[in-house]
């Protein structure tokens, strides 16, 4: 792993103080490339809330995706995905109202992932192979998706838990949800049950 990426991930892990690990074995989704990570212990309150929602609704969870950049990753890890609509932290429009915007298809979320604002101008990243990488988040949503639309607006972020992090170059081939959904749901269930 190149020195810059390793240093960045070490800082994230040290300040996050959670368990972020390289995805291996059944947590690795081959179509998402080489740089995959998973969160074994996201924000504890969210994990508890998610389990309660799933138990009450007596349904499986849903796999959804969120696109972001490296400069937003630390805040998402520490504070989870939050509703930022109408604040200075809002990155894109809120055409479907306030909430956390997630997509059924990874490729749709990928369109909203952006290069980190500091990466291109930083002397430490300028010549790195990761300067243009974007971040795609694999999320677990308690219960069924609220609509059949491609974009889901989740107004209650306690129903979302971040599970997978994929760092990919801008020209990456993004897999279709139908090809990765089952593998991701299996990994979600393993993480929730404490089997991993």
C-alpha atoms as a PDB file:
ATOM      1  CA  UNK A   1       0.000   0.000   0.000  1.00  0.00           C
ATOM      2  CA  UNK A   2       1.524   3.339  -0.930  1.00  0.00           C
ATOM      3  CA  UNK A   3       2.826   5.419   1.943  1.00  0.00           C
ATOM      4  CA  UNK A   4       0.319   8.290   1.548  1.00  0.00           C
ATOM      5  CA  UNK A   5      -2.742   6.032   1.652  1.00  0.00           C
ATOM      6  CA  UNK A   6      -1.329   4.073   4.594  1.00  0.00           C
ATOM      7  CA  UNK A   7      -0.661   7.287   6.556  1.00  0.00           C
ATOM      8  CA  UNK A   8      -4.142   8.584   5.784  1.00  0.00           C
ATOM      9  CA  UNK A   9      -5.811   5.368   6.895  1.00  0.00           C
ATOM     10  CA  UNK A  10      -3.683   5.157  10.043  1.00  0.00           C
ATOM     11  CA  UNK A  11      -4.774   8.695  10.981  1.00  0.00           C
ATOM     12  CA  UNK A  12      -8.426   7.852  10.294  1.00  0.00           C
ATOM     13  CA  UNK A  13      -8.252   4.646  12.351  1.00  0.00           C
ATOM     14  CA  UNK A  14      -6.377   6.291  15.222  1.00  0.00           C
ATOM     15  CA  UNK A  15      -8.710   9.248  15.515  1.00  0.00           C
ATOM     16  CA  UNK A  16     -11.830   7.176  14.771  1.00  0.00           C
ATOM     17  CA  UNK A  17     -10.838   4.593  17.413  1.00  0.00           C
ATOM     18  CA  UNK A  18     -13.153   2.034  15.859  1.00  0.00           C
ATOM     19  CA  UNK A  19     -12.295  -1.131  14.004  1.00  0.00           C
ATOM     20  CA  UNK A  20     -11.739  -0.457  10.325  1.00  0.00           C
ATOM     21  CA  UNK A  21     -10.106  -3.340   8.488  1.00  0.00           C
ATOM     22  CA  UNK A  22      -9.198  -4.468   5.006  1.00  0.00           C
ATOM     23  CA  UNK A  23     -12.038  -6.582   3.636  1.00  0.00           C
ATOM     24  CA  UNK A  24     -10.981 -10.219   3.287  1.00  0.00           C
ATOM     25  CA  UNK A  25     -12.657 -13.568   2.676  1.00  0.00           C
ATOM     26  CA  UNK A  26     -16.459 -13.334   2.657  1.00  0.00           C
ATOM     27  CA  UNK A  27     -16.355  -9.584   3.433  1.00  0.00           C
ATOM     28  CA  UNK A  28     -14.553  -8.869   0.161  1.00  0.00           C
ATOM     29  CA  UNK A  29     -16.737  -8.104  -2.856  1.00  0.00           C
ATOM     30  CA  UNK A  30     -14.466  -8.910  -5.848  1.00  0.00           C
ATOM     31  CA  UNK A  31     -16.199  -6.551  -8.288  1.00  0.00           C
ATOM     32  CA  UNK A  32     -15.353  -3.527  -6.129  1.00  0.00           C
ATOM     33  CA  UNK A  33     -11.632  -3.684  -6.793  1.00  0.00           C
ATOM     34  CA  UNK A  34      -8.533  -3.859  -4.695  1.00  0.00           C
ATOM     35  CA  UNK A  35      -9.086  -1.215  -1.990  1.00  0.00           C
ATOM     36  CA  UNK A  36     -11.949  -2.396   0.195  1.00  0.00           C
ATOM     37  CA  UNK A  37     -12.487  -1.906   3.905  1.00  0.00           C
ATOM     38  CA  UNK A  38     -15.211  -2.801   6.362  1.00  0.00           C
ATOM     39  CA  UNK A  39     -16.340  -1.386   9.685  1.00  0.00           C
ATOM     40  CA  UNK A  40     -16.703  -4.111  12.275  1.00  0.00           C
ATOM     41  CA  UNK A  41     -17.966  -1.685  14.912  1.00  0.00           C
ATOM     42  CA  UNK A  42     -19.653   1.429  13.594  1.00  0.00           C
ATOM     43  CA  UNK A  43     -21.133   4.006  15.952  1.00  0.00           C
ATOM     44  CA  UNK A  44     -22.549   1.723  18.724  1.00  0.00           C
ATOM     45  CA  UNK A  45     -25.819   3.636  19.092  1.00  0.00           C
ATOM     46  CA  UNK A  46     -26.524   3.135  15.394  1.00  0.00           C
ATOM     47  CA  UNK A  47     -25.799  -0.591  15.572  1.00  0.00           C
ATOM     48  CA  UNK A  48     -28.252  -0.939  18.485  1.00  0.00           C
ATOM     49  CA  UNK A  49     -30.901   1.164  16.720  1.00  0.00           C
ATOM     50  CA  UNK A  50     -30.507  -0.813  13.488  1.00  0.00           C
ATOM     51  CA  UNK A  51     -30.936  -4.147  15.280  1.00  0.00           C
ATOM     52  CA  UNK A  52     -34.075  -2.827  16.999  1.00  0.00           C
ATOM     53  CA  UNK A  53     -35.577  -1.589  13.694  1.00  0.00           C
ATOM     54  CA  UNK A  54     -34.901  -4.925  12.026  1.00  0.00           C
ATOM     55  CA  UNK A  55     -36.436  -6.847  14.940  1.00  0.00           C
ATOM     56  CA  UNK A  56     -39.558  -4.655  15.054  1.00  0.00           C
ATOM     57  CA  UNK A  57     -40.089  -4.706  11.288  1.00  0.00           C
ATOM     58  CA  UNK A  58     -39.287  -8.440  11.141  1.00  0.00           C
ATOM     59  CA  UNK A  59     -37.669  -7.885   7.779  1.00  0.00           C
ATOM     60  CA  UNK A  60     -34.279  -8.068   6.223  1.00  0.00           C
ATOM     61  CA  UNK A  61     -32.220  -4.993   5.729  1.00  0.00           C
ATOM     62  CA  UNK A  62     -31.507  -3.323   2.396  1.00  0.00           C
ATOM     63  CA  UNK A  63     -28.214  -2.671   0.613  1.00  0.00           C
ATOM     64  CA  UNK A  64     -27.780   0.927  -0.545  1.00  0.00           C
ATOM     65  CA  UNK A  65     -24.831   3.065  -1.623  1.00  0.00           C
ATOM     66  CA  UNK A  66     -23.559   6.565  -0.898  1.00  0.00           C
ATOM     67  CA  UNK A  67     -20.838   8.369  -2.853  1.00  0.00           C
ATOM     68  CA  UNK A  68     -18.435  10.728  -1.078  1.00  0.00           C
ATOM     69  CA  UNK A  69     -14.800  11.845  -1.058  1.00  0.00           C
ATOM     70  CA  UNK A  70     -11.834  11.187   1.214  1.00  0.00           C
ATOM     71  CA  UNK A  71     -12.150  14.589   2.867  1.00  0.00           C
ATOM     72  CA  UNK A  72     -15.634  13.669   4.156  1.00  0.00           C
ATOM     73  CA  UNK A  73     -14.763  10.114   5.215  1.00  0.00           C
ATOM     74  CA  UNK A  74     -13.401  10.907   8.664  1.00  0.00           C
ATOM     75  CA  UNK A  75     -16.530  12.801   9.727  1.00  0.00           C
ATOM     76  CA  UNK A  76     -18.757  10.025   8.373  1.00  0.00           C
ATOM     77  CA  UNK A  77     -16.791   7.390  10.284  1.00  0.00           C
ATOM     78  CA  UNK A  78     -16.914   9.332  13.549  1.00  0.00           C
ATOM     79  CA  UNK A  79     -20.459  10.710  13.333  1.00  0.00           C
ATOM     80  CA  UNK A  80     -22.125   8.388  10.786  1.00  0.00           C
ATOM     81  CA  UNK A  81     -24.132   9.613   7.816  1.00  0.00           C
ATOM     82  CA  UNK A  82     -26.178  12.633   8.858  1.00  0.00           C
ATOM     83  CA  UNK A  83     -28.803  14.819   7.315  1.00  0.00           C
ATOM     84  CA  UNK A  84     -26.826  17.831   6.069  1.00  0.00           C
ATOM     85  CA  UNK A  85     -29.492  19.273   3.767  1.00  0.00           C
ATOM     86  CA  UNK A  86     -29.667  23.037   4.120  1.00  0.00           C
ATOM     87  CA  UNK A  87     -26.317  23.299   5.937  1.00  0.00           C
ATOM     88  CA  UNK A  88     -22.849  24.314   4.747  1.00  0.00           C
ATOM     89  CA  UNK A  89     -21.976  20.596   4.710  1.00  0.00           C
ATOM     90  CA  UNK A  90     -24.476  19.845   1.945  1.00  0.00           C
ATOM     91  CA  UNK A  91     -22.479  18.736  -1.115  1.00  0.00           C
ATOM     92  CA  UNK A  92     -25.265  18.441  -3.669  1.00  0.00           C
ATOM     93  CA  UNK A  93     -28.825  19.633  -4.078  1.00  0.00           C
ATOM     94  CA  UNK A  94     -31.797  18.360  -2.110  1.00  0.00           C
ATOM     95  CA  UNK A  95     -34.303  18.083  -4.933  1.00  0.00           C
ATOM     96  CA  UNK A  96     -36.263  15.313  -3.162  1.00  0.00           C
ATOM     97  CA  UNK A  97     -36.198  17.012   0.235  1.00  0.00           C
ATOM     98  CA  UNK A  98     -34.018  16.864   3.322  1.00  0.00           C
ATOM     99  CA  UNK A  99     -32.358  13.592   4.230  1.00  0.00           C
ATOM    100  CA  UNK A 100     -29.437  11.285   3.555  1.00  0.00           C
ATOM    101  CA  UNK A 101     -29.372  10.423  -0.137  1.00  0.00           C
ATOM    102  CA  UNK A 102     -28.637   6.771  -0.907  1.00  0.00           C
ATOM    103  CA  UNK A 103     -28.857   4.892  -4.188  1.00  0.00           C
ATOM    104  CA  UNK A 104     -30.031   1.431  -5.136  1.00  0.00           C
ATOM    105  CA  UNK A 105     -27.266   1.187  -7.735  1.00  0.00           C
ATOM    106  CA  UNK A 106     -23.627   1.740  -6.828  1.00  0.00           C
ATOM    107  CA  UNK A 107     -23.074   3.474 -10.166  1.00  0.00           C
ATOM    108  CA  UNK A 108     -25.665   6.133  -9.307  1.00  0.00           C
ATOM    109  CA  UNK A 109     -23.974   6.848  -5.965  1.00  0.00           C
ATOM    110  CA  UNK A 110     -20.621   6.863  -7.771  1.00  0.00           C
ATOM    111  CA  UNK A 111     -21.793   9.840  -9.821  1.00  0.00           C
ATOM    112  CA  UNK A 112     -21.985  11.827  -6.564  1.00  0.00           C
ATOM    113  CA  UNK A 113     -18.588  10.697  -5.273  1.00  0.00           C
ATOM    114  CA  UNK A 114     -15.989  13.390  -5.819  1.00  0.00           C
ATOM    115  CA  UNK A 115     -12.256  13.798  -5.677  1.00  0.00           C
ATOM    116  CA  UNK A 116     -11.156  15.176  -2.320  1.00  0.00           C
ATOM    117  CA  UNK A 117     -10.775  18.945  -2.521  1.00  0.00           C
ATOM    118  CA  UNK A 118      -7.290  18.838  -0.987  1.00  0.00           C
ATOM    119  CA  UNK A 119      -5.925  15.855  -2.965  1.00  0.00           C
ATOM    120  CA  UNK A 120      -5.026  17.573  -6.232  1.00  0.00           C
ATOM    121  CA  UNK A 121      -3.373  20.545  -4.524  1.00  0.00           C
ATOM    122  CA  UNK A 122      -1.480  18.604  -1.883  1.00  0.00           C
ATOM    123  CA  UNK A 123       2.201  17.959  -2.520  1.00  0.00           C
ATOM    124  CA  UNK A 124       1.826  14.675  -0.646  1.00  0.00           C
ATOM    125  CA  UNK A 125      -0.885  13.403  -2.996  1.00  0.00           C
ATOM    126  CA  UNK A 126      -0.140  15.169  -6.291  1.00  0.00           C
ATOM    127  CA  UNK A 127       1.828  12.255  -7.775  1.00  0.00           C
ATOM    128  CA  UNK A 128       0.004   9.487  -5.945  1.00  0.00           C
ATOM    129  CA  UNK A 129      -2.044   6.870  -7.774  1.00  0.00           C
ATOM    130  CA  UNK A 130      -4.820   7.750  -5.300  1.00  0.00           C
ATOM    131  CA  UNK A 131      -5.052  11.462  -6.067  1.00  0.00           C
ATOM    132  CA  UNK A 132      -8.249  10.966  -8.078  1.00  0.00           C
ATOM    133  CA  UNK A 133      -9.755   8.133  -6.080  1.00  0.00           C
ATOM    134  CA  UNK A 134     -13.312   8.499  -4.909  1.00  0.00           C
ATOM    135  CA  UNK A 135     -15.113   6.787  -2.061  1.00  0.00           C
ATOM    136  CA  UNK A 136     -18.158   4.594  -2.385  1.00  0.00           C
ATOM    137  CA  UNK A 137     -19.895   3.513   0.819  1.00  0.00           C
ATOM    138  CA  UNK A 138     -21.871   0.281   1.121  1.00  0.00           C
ATOM    139  CA  UNK A 139     -24.647   0.933   3.648  1.00  0.00           C
ATOM    140  CA  UNK A 140     -27.172  -1.218   5.463  1.00  0.00           C
ATOM    141  CA  UNK A 141     -30.655   0.245   5.810  1.00  0.00           C
ATOM    142  CA  UNK A 142     -33.034  -1.239   8.374  1.00  0.00           C
ATOM    143  CA  UNK A 143     -36.054  -2.767   6.654  1.00  0.00           C
ATOM    144  CA  UNK A 144     -37.200  -2.268   3.110  1.00  0.00           C
ATOM    145  CA  UNK A 145     -36.296   0.733   0.986  1.00  0.00           C
ATOM    146  CA  UNK A 146     -38.849   3.526   1.453  1.00  0.00           C
ATOM    147  CA  UNK A 147     -39.558   3.776  -2.282  1.00  0.00           C
ATOM    148  CA  UNK A 148     -38.898   1.969  -5.525  1.00  0.00           C
ATOM    149  CA  UNK A 149     -37.116   5.014  -6.933  1.00  0.00           C
ATOM    150  CA  UNK A 150     -33.417   4.729  -7.749  1.00  0.00           C
ATOM    151  CA  UNK A 151     -32.581   7.421  -5.170  1.00  0.00           C
ATOM    152  CA  UNK A 152     -33.775   6.932  -1.603  1.00  0.00           C
ATOM    153  CA  UNK A 153     -33.994   9.874   0.768  1.00  0.00           C
ATOM    154  CA  UNK A 154     -33.672   8.647   4.340  1.00  0.00           C
ATOM    155  CA  UNK A 155     -34.915  11.209   6.852  1.00  0.00           C
ATOM    156  CA  UNK A 156     -34.005   9.085   9.888  1.00  0.00           C
ATOM    157  CA  UNK A 157     -30.234   8.428   9.690  1.00  0.00           C
ATOM    158  CA  UNK A 158     -30.392   6.048  12.685  1.00  0.00           C
ATOM    159  CA  UNK A 159     -31.739   3.461  10.225  1.00  0.00           C
ATOM    160  CA  UNK A 160     -28.451   3.532   8.257  1.00  0.00           C
ATOM    161  CA  UNK A 161     -25.200   1.809   9.232  1.00  0.00           C
ATOM    162  CA  UNK A 162     -22.041   2.131   7.156  1.00  0.00           C
ATOM    163  CA  UNK A 163     -20.522  -1.316   6.531  1.00  0.00           C
ATOM    164  CA  UNK A 164     -18.199  -1.176   3.511  1.00  0.00           C
ATOM    165  CA  UNK A 165     -15.794   1.434   2.138  1.00  0.00           C
ATOM    166  CA  UNK A 166     -14.526   1.166  -1.429  1.00  0.00           C
ATOM    167  CA  UNK A 167     -11.742   3.404  -2.740  1.00  0.00           C
ATOM    168  CA  UNK A 168     -11.793   3.396  -6.521  1.00  0.00           C
ATOM    169  CA  UNK A 169     -10.270   5.329  -9.423  1.00  0.00           C
ATOM    170  CA  UNK A 170     -12.562   7.572 -11.495  1.00  0.00           C
ATOM    171  CA  UNK A 171     -12.707   5.190 -14.469  1.00  0.00           C
ATOM    172  CA  UNK A 172     -13.511   2.120 -12.365  1.00  0.00           C
ATOM    173  CA  UNK A 173     -16.134  -0.302 -13.636  1.00  0.00           C
ATOM    174  CA  UNK A 174     -18.893  -0.169 -11.049  1.00  0.00           C
ATOM    175  CA  UNK A 175     -20.823  -3.432 -10.558  1.00  0.00           C
ATOM    176  CA  UNK A 176     -24.604  -3.641 -10.719  1.00  0.00           C
ATOM    177  CA  UNK A 177     -26.464  -4.058  -7.435  1.00  0.00           C
ATOM    178  CA  UNK A 178     -27.960  -7.393  -8.523  1.00  0.00           C
ATOM    179  CA  UNK A 179     -24.427  -8.819  -8.782  1.00  0.00           C
ATOM    180  CA  UNK A 180     -23.284  -7.761  -5.299  1.00  0.00           C
ATOM    181  CA  UNK A 181     -26.443  -7.477  -3.173  1.00  0.00           C
ATOM    182  CA  UNK A 182     -26.484 -11.072  -1.879  1.00  0.00           C
ATOM    183  CA  UNK A 183     -22.785 -11.070  -0.920  1.00  0.00           C
ATOM    184  CA  UNK A 184     -23.173  -7.725   0.842  1.00  0.00           C
ATOM    185  CA  UNK A 185     -26.292  -8.844   2.745  1.00  0.00           C
ATOM    186  CA  UNK A 186     -24.395 -11.936   3.901  1.00  0.00           C
ATOM    187  CA  UNK A 187     -21.527  -9.819   5.164  1.00  0.00           C
ATOM    188  CA  UNK A 188     -23.988  -7.453   6.903  1.00  0.00           C
ATOM    189  CA  UNK A 189     -25.639 -10.404   8.680  1.00  0.00           C
ATOM    190  CA  UNK A 190     -22.242 -11.764   9.768  1.00  0.00           C
ATOM    191  CA  UNK A 191     -21.181  -8.377  11.145  1.00  0.00           C
ATOM    192  CA  UNK A 192     -24.500  -7.888  12.957  1.00  0.00           C
ATOM    193  CA  UNK A 193     -24.426 -11.332  14.520  1.00  0.00           C
ATOM    194  CA  UNK A 194     -20.882 -10.875  15.822  1.00  0.00           C
ATOM    195  CA  UNK A 195     -19.647 -13.843  13.776  1.00  0.00           C
ATOM    196  CA  UNK A 196     -16.782 -11.698  12.427  1.00  0.00           C
END
